[in-house]
PDB file of N, CA and C in Angstrom:
ATOM      1  N   MET A   1      49.823  -3.224 -54.115  1.00  0.00           N
ATOM      2  CA  MET A   1      51.211  -3.511 -54.229  1.00  0.00           C
ATOM      3  C   MET A   1      51.368  -5.036 -54.881  1.00  0.00           C
ATOM      4  N   SER A   2      52.175  -5.215 -55.835  1.00  0.00           N
ATOM      5  CA  SER A   2      52.179  -6.501 -56.458  1.00  0.00           C
ATOM      6  C   SER A   2      53.341  -7.383 -55.774  1.00  0.00           C
ATOM      7  N   ASP A   3      53.325  -8.627 -56.047  1.00  0.00           N
ATOM      8  CA  ASP A   3      54.386  -9.565 -55.603  1.00  0.00           C
ATOM      9  C   ASP A   3      55.728  -9.194 -56.031  1.00  0.00           C
ATOM     10  N   SER A   4      55.899  -8.332 -56.970  1.00  0.00           N
ATOM     11  CA  SER A   4      57.195  -7.956 -57.366  1.00  0.00           C
ATOM     12  C   SER A   4      57.991  -7.033 -56.455  1.00  0.00           C
ATOM     13  N   TYR A   5      57.263  -6.545 -55.364  1.00  0.00           N
ATOM     14  CA  TYR A   5      57.784  -5.816 -54.209  1.00  0.00           C
ATOM     15  C   TYR A   5      58.328  -6.582 -53.128  1.00  0.00           C
ATOM     16  N   ARG A   6      58.123  -8.022 -53.314  1.00  0.00           N
ATOM     17  CA  ARG A   6      58.580  -8.842 -52.219  1.00  0.00           C
ATOM     18  C   ARG A   6      60.043  -8.736 -52.100  1.00  0.00           C
ATOM     19  N   GLY A   7      60.556  -8.612 -50.868  1.00  0.00           N
ATOM     20  CA  GLY A   7      61.902  -8.333 -50.615  1.00  0.00           C
ATOM     21  C   GLY A   7      62.392  -6.838 -50.641  1.00  0.00           C
ATOM     22  N   ALA A   8      61.543  -6.042 -51.125  1.00  0.00           N
ATOM     23  CA  ALA A   8      61.878  -4.540 -51.101  1.00  0.00           C
ATOM     24  C   ALA A   8      62.194  -4.045 -49.690  1.00  0.00           C
ATOM     25  N   GLU A   9      63.015  -2.985 -49.402  1.00  0.00           N
ATOM     26  CA  GLU A   9      63.179  -2.458 -48.196  1.00  0.00           C
ATOM     27  C   GLU A   9      62.076  -1.469 -47.891  1.00  0.00           C
ATOM     28  N   VAL A  10      61.678  -1.350 -46.683  1.00  0.00           N
ATOM     29  CA  VAL A  10      60.569  -0.537 -46.169  1.00  0.00           C
ATOM     30  C   VAL A  10      61.108   0.491 -45.301  1.00  0.00           C
ATOM     31  N   TYR A  11      60.770   1.753 -45.629  1.00  0.00           N
ATOM     32  CA  TYR A  11      61.393   2.931 -44.917  1.00  0.00           C
ATOM     33  C   TYR A  11      60.087   3.921 -44.404  1.00  0.00           C
ATOM     34  N   THR A  12      60.466   4.550 -43.378  1.00  0.00           N
ATOM     35  CA  THR A  12      59.499   5.579 -42.818  1.00  0.00           C
ATOM     36  C   THR A  12      59.769   6.915 -43.415  1.00  0.00           C
ATOM     37  N   THR A  13      59.047   7.900 -43.163  1.00  0.00           N
ATOM     38  CA  THR A  13      59.145   9.267 -43.736  1.00  0.00           C
ATOM     39  C   THR A  13      60.433   9.797 -43.148  1.00  0.00           C
ATOM     40  N   ASP A  14      60.769   9.436 -41.923  1.00  0.00           N
ATOM     41  CA  ASP A  14      61.989   9.930 -41.229  1.00  0.00           C
ATOM     42  C   ASP A  14      63.268   9.085 -41.718  1.00  0.00           C
ATOM     43  N   GLY A  15      63.189   8.248 -42.584  1.00  0.00           N
ATOM     44  CA  GLY A  15      64.395   7.655 -43.169  1.00  0.00           C
ATOM     45  C   GLY A  15      64.702   6.335 -42.332  1.00  0.00           C
ATOM     46  N   GLU A  16      63.796   5.861 -41.484  1.00  0.00           N
ATOM     47  CA  GLU A  16      64.222   4.674 -40.700  1.00  0.00           C
ATOM     48  C   GLU A  16      63.849   3.403 -41.414  1.00  0.00           C
ATOM     49  N   MET A  17      64.577   2.524 -41.450  1.00  0.00           N
ATOM     50  CA  MET A  17      64.342   1.287 -42.296  1.00  0.00           C
ATOM     51  C   MET A  17      63.686   0.341 -41.308  1.00  0.00           C
ATOM     52  N   LEU A  18      62.371  -0.186 -41.632  1.00  0.00           N
ATOM     53  CA  LEU A  18      61.563  -0.986 -40.867  1.00  0.00           C
ATOM     54  C   LEU A  18      61.843  -2.490 -41.023  1.00  0.00           C
ATOM     55  N   GLY A  19      62.424  -2.800 -42.377  1.00  0.00           N
ATOM     56  CA  GLY A  19      62.630  -4.211 -42.689  1.00  0.00           C
ATOM     57  C   GLY A  19      62.307  -4.396 -44.153  1.00  0.00           C
ATOM     58  N   HIS A  20      61.944  -5.568 -44.549  1.00  0.00           N
ATOM     59  CA  HIS A  20      61.764  -5.934 -45.895  1.00  0.00           C
ATOM     60  C   HIS A  20      60.397  -6.549 -46.049  1.00  0.00           C
ATOM     61  N   VAL A  21      59.888  -6.251 -47.187  1.00  0.00           N
ATOM     62  CA  VAL A  21      58.458  -6.929 -47.657  1.00  0.00           C
ATOM     63  C   VAL A  21      58.656  -8.462 -47.776  1.00  0.00           C
ATOM     64  N   LYS A  22      57.849  -9.011 -46.697  1.00  0.00           N
ATOM     65  CA  LYS A  22      58.048 -10.453 -46.705  1.00  0.00           C
ATOM     66  C   LYS A  22      56.949 -11.288 -47.460  1.00  0.00           C
ATOM     67  N   GLU A  23      55.800 -10.609 -47.322  1.00  0.00           N
ATOM     68  CA  GLU A  23      54.470 -11.359 -48.014  1.00  0.00           C
ATOM     69  C   GLU A  23      53.429 -10.200 -48.374  1.00  0.00           C
ATOM     70  N   ILE A  24      52.785 -10.506 -49.397  1.00  0.00           N
ATOM     71  CA  ILE A  24      51.682  -9.562 -49.847  1.00  0.00           C
ATOM     72  C   ILE A  24      50.496 -10.265 -49.863  1.00  0.00           C
ATOM     73  N   ARG A  25      49.271  -9.830 -49.247  1.00  0.00           N
ATOM     74  CA  ARG A  25      48.084 -10.517 -49.151  1.00  0.00           C
ATOM     75  C   ARG A  25      46.919  -9.329 -49.564  1.00  0.00           C
ATOM     76  N   ASN A  26      46.287  -9.460 -50.539  1.00  0.00           N
ATOM     77  CA  ASN A  26      45.239  -8.537 -50.986  1.00  0.00           C
ATOM     78  C   ASN A  26      45.757  -7.080 -50.863  1.00  0.00           C
ATOM     79  N   ASP A  27      45.240  -6.317 -49.856  1.00  0.00           N
ATOM     80  CA  ASP A  27      45.722  -4.958 -49.628  1.00  0.00           C
ATOM     81  C   ASP A  27      46.510  -4.603 -48.441  1.00  0.00           C
ATOM     82  N   HIS A  28      47.396  -5.696 -48.124  1.00  0.00           N
ATOM     83  CA  HIS A  28      48.197  -5.602 -46.870  1.00  0.00           C
ATOM     84  C   HIS A  28      49.560  -6.322 -47.286  1.00  0.00           C
ATOM     85  N   PHE A  29      50.682  -5.671 -46.464  1.00  0.00           N
ATOM     86  CA  PHE A  29      51.907  -6.372 -46.782  1.00  0.00           C
ATOM     87  C   PHE A  29      52.580  -6.683 -45.453  1.00  0.00           C
ATOM     88  N   LYS A  30      53.329  -7.897 -45.272  1.00  0.00           N
ATOM     89  CA  LYS A  30      53.896  -8.281 -44.130  1.00  0.00           C
ATOM     90  C   LYS A  30      55.413  -7.681 -44.008  1.00  0.00           C
ATOM     91  N   VAL A  31      55.891  -7.076 -42.903  1.00  0.00           N
ATOM     92  CA  VAL A  31      57.224  -6.597 -42.847  1.00  0.00           C
ATOM     93  C   VAL A  31      58.004  -7.455 -42.128  1.00  0.00           C
ATOM     94  N   ASP A  32      59.201  -8.035 -42.785  1.00  0.00           N
ATOM     95  CA  ASP A  32      60.061  -8.791 -41.994  1.00  0.00           C
ATOM     96  C   ASP A  32      61.030  -7.881 -41.317  1.00  0.00           C
ATOM     97  N   ALA A  33      60.766  -7.745 -39.959  1.00  0.00           N
ATOM     98  CA  ALA A  33      61.584  -6.691 -39.057  1.00  0.00           C
ATOM     99  C   ALA A  33      62.727  -7.494 -38.567  1.00  0.00           C
ATOM    100  N   PRO A  34      63.980  -6.964 -38.711  1.00  0.00           N
ATOM    101  CA  PRO A  34      65.186  -7.556 -38.207  1.00  0.00           C
ATOM    102  C   PRO A  34      65.190  -7.643 -36.668  1.00  0.00           C
ATOM    103  N   MET A  35      65.262  -8.713 -36.084  1.00  0.00           N
ATOM    104  CA  MET A  35      65.470  -9.015 -34.670  1.00  0.00           C
ATOM    105  C   MET A  35      64.071  -8.560 -33.755  1.00  0.00           C
ATOM    106  N   LYS A  36      63.035  -8.637 -34.582  1.00  0.00           N
ATOM    107  CA  LYS A  36      61.699  -8.100 -33.918  1.00  0.00           C
ATOM    108  C   LYS A  36      60.599  -9.176 -34.658  1.00  0.00           C
ATOM    109  N   PRO A  37      59.452  -9.309 -33.973  1.00  0.00           N
ATOM    110  CA  PRO A  37      58.315  -9.909 -34.769  1.00  0.00           C
ATOM    111  C   PRO A  37      57.951  -9.380 -36.107  1.00  0.00           C
ATOM    112  N   ASP A  38      57.627 -10.078 -36.979  1.00  0.00           N
ATOM    113  CA  ASP A  38      57.128  -9.512 -38.332  1.00  0.00           C
ATOM    114  C   ASP A  38      55.660  -9.125 -37.868  1.00  0.00           C
ATOM    115  N   TYR A  39      55.134  -8.034 -38.728  1.00  0.00           N
ATOM    116  CA  TYR A  39      53.856  -7.563 -38.688  1.00  0.00           C
ATOM    117  C   TYR A  39      53.382  -7.122 -40.068  1.00  0.00           C
ATOM    118  N   TRP A  40      52.031  -6.828 -40.039  1.00  0.00           N
ATOM    119  CA  TRP A  40      51.418  -6.422 -41.316  1.00  0.00           C
ATOM    120  C   TRP A  40      50.984  -4.835 -41.189  1.00  0.00           C
ATOM    121  N   LEU A  41      51.034  -4.323 -42.403  1.00  0.00           N
ATOM    122  CA  LEU A  41      50.735  -2.947 -42.675  1.00  0.00           C
ATOM    123  C   LEU A  41      49.806  -2.872 -43.764  1.00  0.00           C
ATOM    124  N   SER A  42      48.942  -1.952 -44.016  1.00  0.00           N
ATOM    125  CA  SER A  42      47.934  -1.702 -45.005  1.00  0.00           C
ATOM    126  C   SER A  42      48.661  -1.059 -46.182  1.00  0.00           C
ATOM    127  N   ASN A  43      48.313  -1.425 -47.349  1.00  0.00           N
ATOM    128  CA  ASN A  43      48.859  -0.705 -48.556  1.00  0.00           C
ATOM    129  C   ASN A  43      48.489   0.812 -48.523  1.00  0.00           C
ATOM    130  N   THR A  44      47.499   1.158 -47.871  1.00  0.00           N
ATOM    131  CA  THR A  44      47.100   2.516 -47.694  1.00  0.00           C
ATOM    132  C   THR A  44      48.104   3.457 -47.153  1.00  0.00           C
ATOM    133  N   CYS A  45      48.965   2.815 -46.402  1.00  0.00           N
ATOM    134  CA  CYS A  45      50.073   3.643 -45.646  1.00  0.00           C
ATOM    135  C   CYS A  45      51.390   3.828 -46.597  1.00  0.00           C
ATOM    136  N   VAL A  46      51.282   3.330 -47.777  1.00  0.00           N
ATOM    137  CA  VAL A  46      52.369   3.568 -48.747  1.00  0.00           C
ATOM    138  C   VAL A  46      52.228   4.928 -49.445  1.00  0.00           C
ATOM    139  N   ARG A  47      53.114   5.636 -49.374  1.00  0.00           N
ATOM    140  CA  ARG A  47      53.004   7.127 -50.135  1.00  0.00           C
ATOM    141  C   ARG A  47      52.755   6.943 -51.638  1.00  0.00           C
ATOM    142  N   GLY A  48      51.923   7.606 -52.345  1.00  0.00           N
ATOM    143  CA  GLY A  48      51.787   7.733 -53.618  1.00  0.00           C
ATOM    144  C   GLY A  48      53.080   8.074 -54.425  1.00  0.00           C
ATOM    145  N   GLY A  49      53.352   7.141 -55.247  1.00  0.00           N
ATOM    146  CA  GLY A  49      54.696   7.403 -56.109  1.00  0.00           C
ATOM    147  C   GLY A  49      56.052   7.025 -55.284  1.00  0.00           C
ATOM    148  N   MET A  50      55.767   6.402 -54.118  1.00  0.00           N
ATOM    149  CA  MET A  50      57.027   6.225 -53.266  1.00  0.00           C
ATOM    150  C   MET A  50      57.411   4.777 -53.313  1.00  0.00           C
ATOM    151  N   ILE A  51      56.912   4.000 -54.306  1.00  0.00           N
ATOM    152  CA  ILE A  51      57.337   2.709 -54.495  1.00  0.00           C
ATOM    153  C   ILE A  51      58.434   2.708 -55.570  1.00  0.00           C
ATOM    154  N   THR A  52      59.578   2.673 -55.329  1.00  0.00           N
ATOM    155  CA  THR A  52      60.635   2.818 -56.353  1.00  0.00           C
ATOM    156  C   THR A  52      61.649   1.672 -56.250  1.00  0.00           C
ATOM    157  N   GLY A  53      61.850   0.949 -57.353  1.00  0.00           N
ATOM    158  CA  GLY A  53      62.825  -0.070 -57.319  1.00  0.00           C
ATOM    159  C   GLY A  53      62.576  -1.193 -56.202  1.00  0.00           C
ATOM    160  N   ASP A  54      63.622  -1.011 -55.407  1.00  0.00           N
ATOM    161  CA  ASP A  54      63.640  -2.008 -54.190  1.00  0.00           C
ATOM    162  C   ASP A  54      63.300  -1.415 -52.909  1.00  0.00           C
ATOM    163  N   ARG A  55      62.553  -0.266 -52.984  1.00  0.00           N
ATOM    164  CA  ARG A  55      62.315   0.640 -51.575  1.00  0.00           C
ATOM    165  C   ARG A  55      60.926   1.078 -51.687  1.00  0.00           C
ATOM    166  N   VAL A  56      60.249   0.833 -50.548  1.00  0.00           N
ATOM    167  CA  VAL A  56      58.872   1.275 -50.139  1.00  0.00           C
ATOM    168  C   VAL A  56      58.956   2.315 -49.089  1.00  0.00           C
ATOM    169  N   THR A  57      58.289   3.553 -49.275  1.00  0.00           N
ATOM    170  CA  THR A  57      58.281   4.390 -48.161  1.00  0.00           C
ATOM    171  C   THR A  57      56.748   4.683 -47.713  1.00  0.00           C
ATOM    172  N   VAL A  58      56.613   4.390 -46.434  1.00  0.00           N
ATOM    173  CA  VAL A  58      55.229   4.486 -45.725  1.00  0.00           C
ATOM    174  C   VAL A  58      55.086   5.964 -45.383  1.00  0.00           C
ATOM    175  N   THR A  59      53.808   6.334 -45.108  1.00  0.00           N
ATOM    176  CA  THR A  59      53.402   7.794 -44.834  1.00  0.00           C
ATOM    177  C   THR A  59      53.650   8.103 -43.320  1.00  0.00           C
ATOM    178  N   PHE A  60      54.201   7.450 -42.534  1.00  0.00           N
ATOM    179  CA  PHE A  60      54.440   7.769 -41.118  1.00  0.00           C
ATOM    180  C   PHE A  60      55.956   7.706 -40.875  1.00  0.00           C
ATOM    181  N   ASP A  61      56.257   8.214 -39.573  1.00  0.00           N
ATOM    182  CA  ASP A  61      57.526   8.283 -39.034  1.00  0.00           C
ATOM    183  C   ASP A  61      57.503   7.013 -38.060  1.00  0.00           C
ATOM    184  N   LYS A  62      58.761   6.546 -37.627  1.00  0.00           N
ATOM    185  CA  LYS A  62      59.015   5.419 -37.006  1.00  0.00           C
ATOM    186  C   LYS A  62      58.288   5.469 -35.566  1.00  0.00           C
ATOM    187  N   GLY A  63      58.092   6.542 -34.979  1.00  0.00           N
ATOM    188  CA  GLY A  63      57.496   6.706 -33.734  1.00  0.00           C
ATOM    189  C   GLY A  63      56.005   6.370 -33.701  1.00  0.00           C
ATOM    190  N   ASN A  64      55.350   6.406 -34.861  1.00  0.00           N
ATOM    191  CA  ASN A  64      53.938   6.158 -35.027  1.00  0.00           C
ATOM    192  C   ASN A  64      53.705   4.688 -35.584  1.00  0.00           C
ATOM    193  N   LEU A  65      54.755   3.893 -35.667  1.00  0.00           N
ATOM    194  CA  LEU A  65      54.518   2.561 -36.312  1.00  0.00           C
ATOM    195  C   LEU A  65      53.433   1.669 -35.600  1.00  0.00           C
ATOM    196  N   ASP A  66      53.376   1.696 -34.388  1.00  0.00           N
ATOM    197  CA  ASP A  66      52.328   0.879 -33.783  1.00  0.00           C
ATOM    198  C   ASP A  66      50.969   1.229 -34.135  1.00  0.00           C
ATOM    199  N   SER A  67      50.738   2.496 -34.379  1.00  0.00           N
ATOM    200  CA  SER A  67      49.370   2.997 -34.773  1.00  0.00           C
ATOM    201  C   SER A  67      48.888   2.359 -36.217  1.00  0.00           C
ATOM    202  N   TYR A  68      49.904   1.947 -36.969  1.00  0.00           N
ATOM    203  CA  TYR A  68      49.648   1.394 -38.323  1.00  0.00           C
ATOM    204  C   TYR A  68      49.597  -0.177 -38.468  1.00  0.00           C
ATOM    205  N   LYS A  69      50.141  -0.802 -37.453  1.00  0.00           N
ATOM    206  CA  LYS A  69      50.120  -2.192 -37.530  1.00  0.00           C
ATOM    207  C   LYS A  69      48.688  -2.709 -37.588  1.00  0.00           C
ATOM    208  N   VAL A  70      48.531  -3.776 -38.273  1.00  0.00           N
ATOM    209  CA  VAL A  70      47.273  -4.376 -38.605  1.00  0.00           C
ATOM    210  C   VAL A  70      47.348  -5.810 -38.156  1.00  0.00           C
ATOM    211  N   ASP A  71      46.320  -6.318 -37.411  1.00  0.00           N
ATOM    212  CA  ASP A  71      46.063  -7.650 -36.771  1.00  0.00           C
ATOM    213  C   ASP A  71      45.628  -8.483 -37.992  1.00  0.00           C
ATOM    214  N   MET A  72      46.421  -9.303 -38.567  1.00  0.00           N
ATOM    215  CA  MET A  72      46.045 -10.343 -39.606  1.00  0.00           C
ATOM    216  C   MET A  72      46.399 -11.715 -39.140  1.00  0.00           C
ATOM    217  N   LYS A  73      45.427 -12.631 -39.395  1.00  0.00           N
ATOM    218  CA  LYS A  73      45.763 -14.071 -39.148  1.00  0.00           C
ATOM    219  C   LYS A  73      46.745 -14.685 -40.101  1.00  0.00           C
ATOM    220  N   ASP A  74      47.760 -15.373 -39.545  1.00  0.00           N
ATOM    221  CA  ASP A  74      48.671 -15.931 -40.416  1.00  0.00           C
ATOM    222  C   ASP A  74      48.340 -17.129 -40.834  1.00  0.00           C
TER     223      ASP A  74
END
């Protein structure tokens, strides 16, 4: 994912908005989650071809979010 996606909305497969892309580092991106702590996800959880305009769709539903969070040092 390139820096051009900074600010894009992040959605799950079940249509839930997680937040916005806040930062991109190598093969990870930080989600700016509204009213919750920010967190990191791997680029591998982005569906092929599902980065469109200002929207990124990840490969999981919201109920599985915690399984995909990555511990990265800020």
